[in-house]
Amino acid sequence: WKKTITCHVLRHSFASNLVKNDVHIVHIQKLLGHADLKTTSVYVHANQEQLAQAIQLL
């Protein structure tokens, strides 16, 4: 199985890597050119390490 790399896939990777590097989601929204933060949330994916860190904050 081979995944095709498209501009859409690159945008997801770009946004997810920014989140991984602790860039605020509002800044990511501006970088992606989104008017609505809901649109940006579609592109942002947290990995397991980030989810575990979030739980540790509790």
Protein backbone atom coordinates (compact mmCIF):
# COMPACT_ATOMS: atom_id res chain seq x y z
CA TRP A 1 0.00 0.00 0.00
CA LYS A 2 1.48 3.29 -1.07
CA LYS A 3 0.03 6.64 -0.05
CA THR A 4 -0.05 9.33 -2.70
CA ILE A 5 1.45 12.62 -1.58
CA THR A 6 -0.83 15.52 -2.44
CA CYS A 7 -0.95 19.19 -1.43
CA HIS A 8 -3.75 18.26 0.97
CA VAL A 9 -1.56 15.63 2.68
CA LEU A 10 1.29 18.15 2.93
CA ARG A 11 -1.02 20.67 4.61
CA HIS A 12 -2.00 18.04 7.20
CA SER A 13 1.67 17.23 7.82
CA PHE A 14 2.58 20.92 8.03
CA ALA A 15 -0.12 21.64 10.61
CA SER A 16 0.58 18.52 12.65
CA ASN A 17 4.31 19.24 12.77
CA LEU A 18 3.64 22.77 13.95
CA VAL A 19 1.43 21.42 16.77
CA LYS A 20 4.16 18.93 17.67
CA ASN A 21 6.52 21.88 18.03
CA ASP A 22 4.09 23.72 20.35
CA VAL A 23 2.97 26.36 17.86
CA HIS A 24 -0.34 27.88 19.00
CA ILE A 25 -3.32 26.80 16.89
CA VAL A 26 -4.25 30.43 16.13
CA HIS A 27 -0.83 30.92 14.55
CA ILE A 28 -1.31 27.73 12.53
CA GLN A 29 -4.71 29.06 11.43
CA LYS A 30 -3.05 32.22 10.09
CA LEU A 31 -0.25 30.27 8.38
CA LEU A 32 -2.79 28.05 6.61
CA GLY A 33 -4.90 31.07 5.64
CA HIS A 34 -8.06 29.87 7.37
CA ALA A 35 -10.75 32.33 8.41
CA ASP A 36 -12.35 29.81 10.79
CA LEU A 37 -10.49 27.91 13.50
CA LYS A 38 -12.80 24.93 12.88
CA THR A 39 -11.21 24.52 9.46
CA THR A 40 -7.74 24.47 11.00
CA SER A 41 -8.79 21.80 13.49
CA VAL A 42 -9.42 19.44 10.56
CA TYR A 43 -5.72 19.65 9.64
CA VAL A 44 -4.26 19.28 13.12
CA HIS A 45 -3.54 15.80 14.47
CA ALA A 46 -2.14 15.05 17.92
CA ASN A 47 0.14 12.04 18.28
CA GLN A 48 0.13 9.60 21.21
CA GLU A 49 3.01 11.39 22.95
CA GLN A 50 1.13 14.69 22.89
CA LEU A 51 -2.01 13.06 24.26
CA ALA A 52 0.00 11.46 27.08
CA GLN A 53 1.58 14.82 27.93
CA ALA A 54 -1.87 16.40 28.08
CA ILE A 55 -3.02 13.75 30.56
CA GLN A 56 0.07 14.38 32.70
CA LEU A 57 -1.03 18.00 33.12
CA LEU A 58 -4.08 16.86 35.10
